[in-house]
Amino acid sequence: MQTHAALPELISETEQEILRLLSVRDGPTAGLYEMMRYHLGLDDSGSSGKRMRPLLGLLAYSSIKGDYHAALPGAAAVELGHNFSLVHDDIEDADRERRHRATLWALHGIPQAINAGDMLFTLSRVALHRLSDLGFSDAKVLRLMRLYDMTCLALCEGQYLDIWASERTEPMSVELYFDMIGRKTAALIAASVEAGAVLATDDEDVIARYRAFGWALGVAFQLNDDLLGIWGDQAKTGKEPSDVARHKMTLPVIYAFEHAGPEDRARLEAVWRTDAPHDGQVAEAVALIERLGGRDYTRDQAHQHRDRALAELDAAGVIDAEALDSLRGIILGVIRA
């Protein structure tokens, strides 16, 4: 039975499972493994992130089955797959820093970073093969591989929409934004949770509930992040709320553009046309976004999806109450804006 106090243990054991695959330390390709350990924060040089996605999968499995250890290869696969996308995102977005450290491409150049990202993707697939060694049927493992492949397909589609939108002068619609984050953030979180359920049970109704829970949580998580990117408290989040200064088209901004009159829209567009807006311009844009309802709408949508996630979790009828409480705690902990 898992408790809130056991969450660090789940993270630690997931990381040990990942390190099984990244244990090469010498030879001509040692540098590649060093790059991956660096990016994952497994070389003691910096933050490793919250590991939320593998945690969700392990807790989903545990809430149905009890002990989580058999699901660790699936959790490792989820985290490796997530991080392959982050390496490529950093290149595509030209981000030189992640979690207060230099990104892989900034340190090693674009070609090697692309290769390291490809390697993380490949190892996410290799991680799944150990499930066969732990006694899961070939049918289960094949189903999980199909789930992961379809999730990666959705991620690539969502990234296409993100890049396409960033190259246009007109903001995407609110409807298209929800489509995009559904393919990116929500798809991966839903797959993480579904994978844990698939490994734990053959009950398709339970699996469907868990996937719906993960999907709603993923949308709520992204919308919460959108709010923190503009109105977050840096002392609490550790991240500067710089989305407006960086011209990021998140939901509060898109909603404001859709509901702005000619004068307000012109003022917002002026900030978005300025390469490096000064603090006064950013403050004016933030005030406009709030006045036009972007903050309230986004918060309302985040809370609606959070509540939907909680309802799906309750309807799943899981057995392990402590694991269920841990899942509820993650929901309420990450949706706080």
Protein backbone atom coordinates (compact mmCIF):
# COMPACT_ATOMS: atom_id res chain seq x y z
CA MET A 1 0.00 0.00 0.00
CA GLN A 2 1.37 3.40 -0.97
CA THR A 3 1.15 6.64 1.00
CA HIS A 4 2.10 10.23 0.28
CA ALA A 5 5.39 9.58 2.11
CA ALA A 6 6.22 6.85 -0.41
CA LEU A 7 6.16 9.16 -3.44
CA PRO A 8 9.91 9.91 -3.24
CA GLU A 9 10.49 6.15 -3.17
CA LEU A 10 8.46 5.70 -6.36
CA ILE A 11 10.49 8.43 -8.03
CA SER A 12 13.78 6.94 -6.86
CA GLU A 13 12.91 3.45 -8.10
CA THR A 14 11.77 4.84 -11.46
CA GLU A 15 15.10 6.61 -11.79
CA GLN A 16 16.96 3.41 -10.93
CA GLU A 17 14.97 1.65 -13.66
CA ILE A 18 16.02 4.37 -16.11
CA LEU A 19 19.65 4.16 -15.02
CA ARG A 20 19.66 0.45 -15.92
CA LEU A 21 19.44 1.64 -19.52
CA LEU A 22 21.92 4.51 -19.12
CA SER A 23 24.68 2.64 -17.33
CA VAL A 24 27.31 2.81 -20.10
CA ARG A 25 30.19 4.81 -18.64
CA ASP A 26 33.17 4.11 -20.89
CA GLY A 27 33.96 3.32 -24.46
CA PRO A 28 33.52 5.47 -27.58
CA THR A 29 29.82 6.19 -26.96
CA ALA A 30 30.10 7.10 -23.27
CA GLY A 31 29.52 10.76 -24.09
CA LEU A 32 26.05 10.00 -25.46
CA TYR A 33 24.99 8.36 -22.20
CA GLU A 34 26.45 11.26 -20.24
CA MET A 35 24.33 13.65 -22.30
CA MET A 36 21.16 11.71 -21.54
CA ARG A 37 21.92 11.46 -17.82
CA TYR A 38 22.58 15.21 -17.81
CA HIS A 39 19.30 16.04 -19.51
CA LEU A 40 17.37 13.77 -17.15
CA GLY A 41 19.07 15.30 -14.09
CA LEU A 42 20.56 11.93 -13.14
CA ASP A 43 24.17 13.10 -12.97
CA ASP A 44 23.78 15.20 -9.78
CA SER A 45 24.26 18.44 -11.73
CA GLY A 46 20.77 19.89 -11.38
CA SER A 47 17.02 19.48 -11.11
CA SER A 48 15.40 16.37 -12.51
CA GLY A 49 11.84 17.73 -12.56
CA LYS A 50 8.82 16.35 -10.72
CA ARG A 51 8.56 13.00 -12.58
CA MET A 52 4.80 13.52 -12.53
CA ARG A 53 4.01 11.30 -15.53
CA PRO A 54 5.67 8.10 -14.29
CA LEU A 55 4.29 8.78 -10.82
CA LEU A 56 0.77 8.88 -12.21
CA GLY A 57 1.26 5.58 -14.03
CA LEU A 58 2.67 3.85 -10.96
CA LEU A 59 -0.11 5.17 -8.72
CA ALA A 60 -2.74 4.10 -11.25
CA TYR A 61 -1.28 0.59 -11.25
CA SER A 62 -0.93 0.57 -7.46
CA SER A 63 -4.46 1.81 -6.88
CA ILE A 64 -5.78 -1.26 -8.72
CA LYS A 65 -3.16 -3.91 -7.99
CA GLY A 66 -1.39 -2.90 -4.78
CA ASP A 67 2.38 -3.29 -5.17
CA TYR A 68 3.83 -1.12 -7.95
CA HIS A 69 7.17 -2.76 -8.71
CA ALA A 70 6.07 -4.73 -11.76
CA ALA A 71 5.01 -1.48 -13.46
CA LEU A 72 8.40 0.25 -13.12
CA PRO A 73 9.54 -0.47 -16.71
CA GLY A 74 6.36 1.21 -17.99
CA ALA A 75 7.04 4.22 -15.77
CA ALA A 76 10.61 4.43 -17.07
CA ALA A 77 9.33 4.27 -20.66
CA VAL A 78 6.94 7.15 -20.00
CA GLU A 79 9.65 9.36 -18.54
CA LEU A 80 12.15 8.58 -21.30
CA GLY A 81 9.51 9.27 -23.95
CA HIS A 82 8.55 12.56 -22.33
CA ASN A 83 12.17 13.67 -22.23
CA PHE A 84 12.87 12.82 -25.85
CA SER A 85 10.15 15.34 -26.72
CA LEU A 86 11.67 17.95 -24.39
CA VAL A 87 15.10 17.68 -26.04
CA HIS A 88 13.54 18.23 -29.46
CA ASP A 89 11.25 21.01 -28.15
CA ASP A 90 14.26 22.92 -26.84
CA ILE A 91 15.85 22.82 -30.28
CA GLU A 92 12.66 23.81 -32.11
CA ASP A 93 11.93 26.65 -29.68
CA ALA A 94 15.60 27.75 -29.51
CA ASP A 95 15.46 27.54 -25.71
CA ARG A 96 18.96 27.68 -24.25
CA GLU A 97 17.90 26.90 -20.68
CA ARG A 98 15.68 24.32 -18.98
CA ARG A 99 15.29 24.03 -15.21
CA HIS A 100 17.97 26.72 -14.74
CA ARG A 101 20.60 24.74 -16.69
CA ALA A 102 21.85 24.86 -20.27
CA THR A 103 19.86 22.69 -22.66
CA LEU A 104 21.53 19.83 -24.51
CA TRP A 105 21.71 21.62 -27.85
CA ALA A 106 23.17 24.74 -26.20
CA LEU A 107 25.95 22.60 -24.70
CA HIS A 108 26.61 20.06 -27.45
CA GLY A 109 25.14 21.52 -30.63
CA ILE A 110 21.98 20.67 -32.54
CA PRO A 111 23.12 17.46 -34.32
CA GLN A 112 24.22 15.71 -31.12
CA ALA A 113 21.15 16.90 -29.22
CA ILE A 114 18.83 15.53 -31.93
CA ASN A 115 20.65 12.22 -31.73
CA ALA A 116 20.38 12.15 -27.93
CA GLY A 117 16.66 12.85 -28.21
CA ASP A 118 16.31 10.01 -30.71
CA MET A 119 18.21 7.77 -28.32
CA LEU A 120 15.84 8.62 -25.45
CA PHE A 121 12.90 7.71 -27.69
CA THR A 122 14.52 4.39 -28.61
CA LEU A 123 15.31 3.57 -24.99
CA SER A 124 11.69 4.30 -24.05
CA ARG A 125 10.77 1.42 -26.34
CA VAL A 126 13.55 -0.80 -25.01
CA ALA A 127 12.29 -0.19 -21.46
CA LEU A 128 8.98 -1.82 -22.35
CA HIS A 129 10.65 -5.09 -23.31
CA ARG A 130 11.51 -5.76 -19.66
CA LEU A 131 7.80 -6.10 -18.96
CA SER A 132 7.97 -9.46 -20.74
CA ASP A 133 10.72 -10.56 -18.36
CA LEU A 134 8.47 -9.66 -15.43
CA GLY A 135 5.70 -11.97 -16.62
CA PHE A 136 3.36 -9.69 -18.55
CA SER A 137 1.84 -11.31 -21.62
CA ASP A 138 3.00 -10.47 -25.11
CA ALA A 139 -0.50 -9.14 -25.80
CA LYS A 140 -0.20 -6.66 -22.89
CA VAL A 141 3.25 -5.50 -23.96
CA LEU A 142 2.14 -5.12 -27.57
CA ARG A 143 -0.91 -3.12 -26.46
CA LEU A 144 1.34 -0.82 -24.45
CA MET A 145 3.67 -0.34 -27.41
CA ARG A 146 0.70 0.56 -29.59
CA LEU A 147 -0.49 3.05 -26.95
CA TYR A 148 2.93 4.67 -26.80
CA ASP A 149 3.24 4.83 -30.58
CA MET A 150 -0.17 6.48 -30.95
CA THR A 151 0.76 8.92 -28.18
CA CYS A 152 3.98 9.88 -29.96
CA LEU A 153 1.96 10.39 -33.14
CA ALA A 154 -0.34 12.78 -31.26
CA LEU A 155 2.66 14.60 -29.76
CA CYS A 156 4.14 15.20 -33.21
CA GLU A 157 0.79 16.44 -34.51
CA GLY A 158 0.46 18.80 -31.57
CA GLN A 159 3.99 20.09 -32.05
CA TYR A 160 3.23 20.73 -35.71
CA LEU A 161 0.25 22.87 -34.69
CA ASP A 162 2.35 24.71 -32.12
CA ILE A 163 5.11 25.55 -34.61
CA TRP A 164 2.58 26.40 -37.35
CA ALA A 165 0.80 28.81 -35.02
CA SER A 166 4.06 30.46 -33.92
CA GLU A 167 4.88 31.30 -37.56
CA ARG A 168 1.58 33.15 -38.11
CA THR A 169 0.81 36.74 -37.23
CA GLU A 170 -2.79 35.90 -36.27
CA PRO A 171 -3.30 33.95 -33.03
CA MET A 172 -4.91 30.53 -33.28
CA SER A 173 -8.49 30.15 -32.09
CA VAL A 174 -9.40 29.01 -28.57
CA GLU A 175 -10.86 25.84 -30.11
CA LEU A 176 -7.64 25.02 -31.96
CA TYR A 177 -5.58 25.72 -28.84
CA PHE A 178 -7.54 23.08 -26.92
CA ASP A 179 -6.97 20.69 -29.82
CA MET A 180 -3.23 21.38 -29.70
CA ILE A 181 -2.78 20.89 -25.95
CA GLY A 182 -4.94 17.78 -26.19
CA ARG A 183 -2.43 16.26 -28.59
CA LYS A 184 0.57 17.39 -26.57
CA THR A 185 0.18 17.67 -22.80
CA ALA A 186 -3.08 15.77 -22.32
CA ALA A 187 -2.23 12.86 -24.63
CA LEU A 188 0.99 12.02 -22.79
CA ILE A 189 -0.50 12.30 -19.30
CA ALA A 190 -3.53 10.25 -20.38
CA ALA A 191 -1.24 7.58 -21.83
CA SER A 192 0.86 7.49 -18.63
CA VAL A 193 -2.22 6.79 -16.53
CA GLU A 194 -3.77 4.40 -19.05
CA ALA A 195 -0.54 2.39 -19.22
CA GLY A 196 -0.66 1.77 -15.48
CA ALA A 197 -4.29 0.67 -15.73
CA VAL A 198 -3.65 -1.59 -18.74
CA LEU A 199 -0.89 -3.41 -16.86
CA ALA A 200 -3.05 -3.78 -13.75
CA THR A 201 -6.41 -4.95 -15.11
CA ASP A 202 -8.32 -6.35 -18.06
CA ASP A 203 -11.46 -4.40 -17.12
CA GLU A 204 -11.97 -2.09 -20.11
CA ASP A 205 -14.38 0.16 -18.19
CA VAL A 206 -11.78 0.82 -15.52
CA ILE A 207 -9.09 1.45 -18.16
CA ALA A 208 -11.38 3.93 -19.95
CA ARG A 209 -12.05 5.78 -16.67
CA TYR A 210 -8.35 6.09 -15.98
CA ARG A 211 -7.64 7.38 -19.47
CA ALA A 212 -10.41 9.98 -19.14
CA PHE A 213 -8.99 10.95 -15.75
CA GLY A 214 -5.52 11.42 -17.24
CA TRP A 215 -6.86 13.40 -20.20
CA ALA A 216 -8.80 15.85 -18.02
CA LEU A 217 -5.83 16.19 -15.68
CA GLY A 218 -3.51 16.88 -18.63
CA VAL A 219 -5.68 19.71 -19.92
CA ALA A 220 -6.02 21.17 -16.41
CA PHE A 221 -2.26 20.91 -15.90
CA GLN A 222 -1.51 22.84 -19.10
CA LEU A 223 -4.05 25.56 -18.32
CA ASN A 224 -2.64 25.92 -14.82
CA ASP A 225 0.81 26.31 -16.39
CA ASP A 226 -0.61 28.97 -18.72
CA LEU A 227 -1.82 30.95 -15.71
CA LEU A 228 1.48 30.61 -13.87
CA GLY A 229 3.34 31.75 -17.00
CA ILE A 230 1.70 35.16 -16.67
CA TRP A 231 0.62 35.55 -13.03
CA GLY A 232 2.79 33.00 -11.19
CA ASP A 233 4.75 33.83 -8.07
CA GLN A 234 8.40 33.20 -8.90
CA ALA A 235 9.23 32.64 -5.22
CA LYS A 236 6.79 29.70 -5.20
CA THR A 237 7.20 28.30 -8.70
CA GLY A 238 10.92 28.92 -9.20
CA LYS A 239 10.13 30.20 -12.69
CA GLU A 240 9.77 33.79 -13.90
CA PRO A 241 6.26 34.56 -15.25
CA SER A 242 7.62 35.69 -18.62
CA ASP A 243 5.14 34.33 -21.18
CA VAL A 244 3.93 37.77 -22.31
CA ALA A 245 7.47 39.14 -22.66
CA ARG A 246 8.33 36.06 -24.75
CA HIS A 247 5.17 36.44 -26.87
CA LYS A 248 3.83 32.99 -25.94
CA MET A 249 0.30 32.45 -27.23
CA THR A 250 -1.25 30.64 -24.28
CA LEU A 251 -4.97 30.40 -23.53
CA PRO A 252 -5.35 33.67 -21.55
CA VAL A 253 -3.73 35.58 -24.42
CA ILE A 254 -5.71 33.83 -27.17
CA TYR A 255 -8.96 34.40 -25.29
CA ALA A 256 -8.12 38.09 -24.84
CA PHE A 257 -7.38 38.52 -28.55
CA GLU A 258 -10.68 36.84 -29.45
CA HIS A 259 -12.66 39.14 -27.15
CA ALA A 260 -10.80 42.41 -27.69
CA GLY A 261 -12.33 45.36 -29.48
CA PRO A 262 -10.31 47.19 -32.18
CA GLU A 263 -8.51 49.50 -29.74
CA ASP A 264 -7.56 46.84 -27.21
CA ARG A 265 -6.53 44.42 -29.96
CA ALA A 266 -4.24 47.07 -31.48
CA ARG A 267 -2.59 47.61 -28.09
CA LEU A 268 -2.01 43.88 -27.65
CA GLU A 269 -0.68 43.53 -31.19
CA ALA A 270 1.76 46.37 -30.55
CA VAL A 271 3.33 44.43 -27.69
CA TRP A 272 3.48 41.24 -29.75
CA ARG A 273 5.21 43.13 -32.60
CA THR A 274 7.88 44.49 -30.25
CA ASP A 275 10.92 42.22 -30.16
CA ALA A 276 11.84 43.02 -26.55
CA PRO A 277 8.93 44.80 -24.85
CA HIS A 278 9.89 46.81 -21.77
CA ASP A 279 8.36 46.19 -18.36
CA GLY A 280 5.73 48.89 -18.83
CA GLN A 281 4.48 47.36 -22.08
CA VAL A 282 4.36 43.89 -20.52
CA ALA A 283 2.43 45.20 -17.51
CA GLU A 284 -0.06 46.95 -19.81
CA ALA A 285 -0.58 43.77 -21.84
CA VAL A 286 -1.06 41.67 -18.70
CA ALA A 287 -3.65 44.13 -17.39
CA LEU A 288 -5.46 44.04 -20.73
CA ILE A 289 -5.51 40.24 -20.81
CA GLU A 290 -6.97 40.18 -17.33
CA ARG A 291 -9.57 42.87 -18.07
CA LEU A 292 -10.67 41.05 -21.22
CA GLY A 293 -11.36 37.91 -19.20
CA GLY A 294 -8.37 35.77 -20.18
CA ARG A 295 -7.38 34.98 -16.60
CA ASP A 296 -10.86 34.16 -15.33
CA TYR A 297 -11.74 32.04 -18.36
CA THR A 298 -8.53 30.03 -18.14
CA ARG A 299 -8.86 29.49 -14.41
CA ASP A 300 -12.48 28.39 -14.83
CA GLN A 301 -11.52 25.90 -17.54
CA ALA A 302 -8.63 24.56 -15.42
CA HIS A 303 -10.96 24.02 -12.47
CA GLN A 304 -13.61 22.37 -14.66
CA HIS A 305 -11.08 19.89 -16.03
CA ARG A 306 -9.62 19.31 -12.56
CA ASP A 307 -13.09 18.48 -11.22
CA ARG A 308 -13.74 16.21 -14.21
CA ALA A 309 -10.49 14.37 -13.47
CA LEU A 310 -11.51 13.87 -9.85
CA ALA A 311 -14.95 12.62 -10.90
CA GLU A 312 -13.46 10.07 -13.34
CA LEU A 313 -11.09 8.86 -10.65
CA ASP A 314 -13.93 8.40 -8.16
CA ALA A 315 -16.01 6.56 -10.77
CA ALA A 316 -13.22 4.08 -11.52
CA GLY A 317 -13.92 2.23 -8.26
CA VAL A 318 -10.30 1.49 -7.35
CA ILE A 319 -9.26 -0.73 -4.44
CA ASP A 320 -6.22 0.89 -2.81
CA ALA A 321 -7.47 3.95 -0.91
CA GLU A 322 -4.00 5.28 -0.09
CA ALA A 323 -2.86 5.25 -3.72
CA LEU A 324 -6.14 6.93 -4.61
CA ASP A 325 -5.43 9.65 -2.05
CA SER A 326 -1.99 10.14 -3.57
CA LEU A 327 -3.55 10.59 -7.01
CA ARG A 328 -6.02 13.11 -5.59
CA GLY A 329 -3.14 14.92 -3.91
CA ILE A 330 -1.26 15.24 -7.21
CA ILE A 331 -4.36 16.66 -8.90
CA LEU A 332 -4.94 19.25 -6.21
CA GLY A 333 -1.22 19.99 -5.91
CA VAL A 334 -0.54 20.78 -9.56
CA ILE A 335 -3.79 22.66 -10.25
CA ARG A 336 -3.27 25.58 -7.91
CA ALA A 337 -3.26 28.79 -9.99
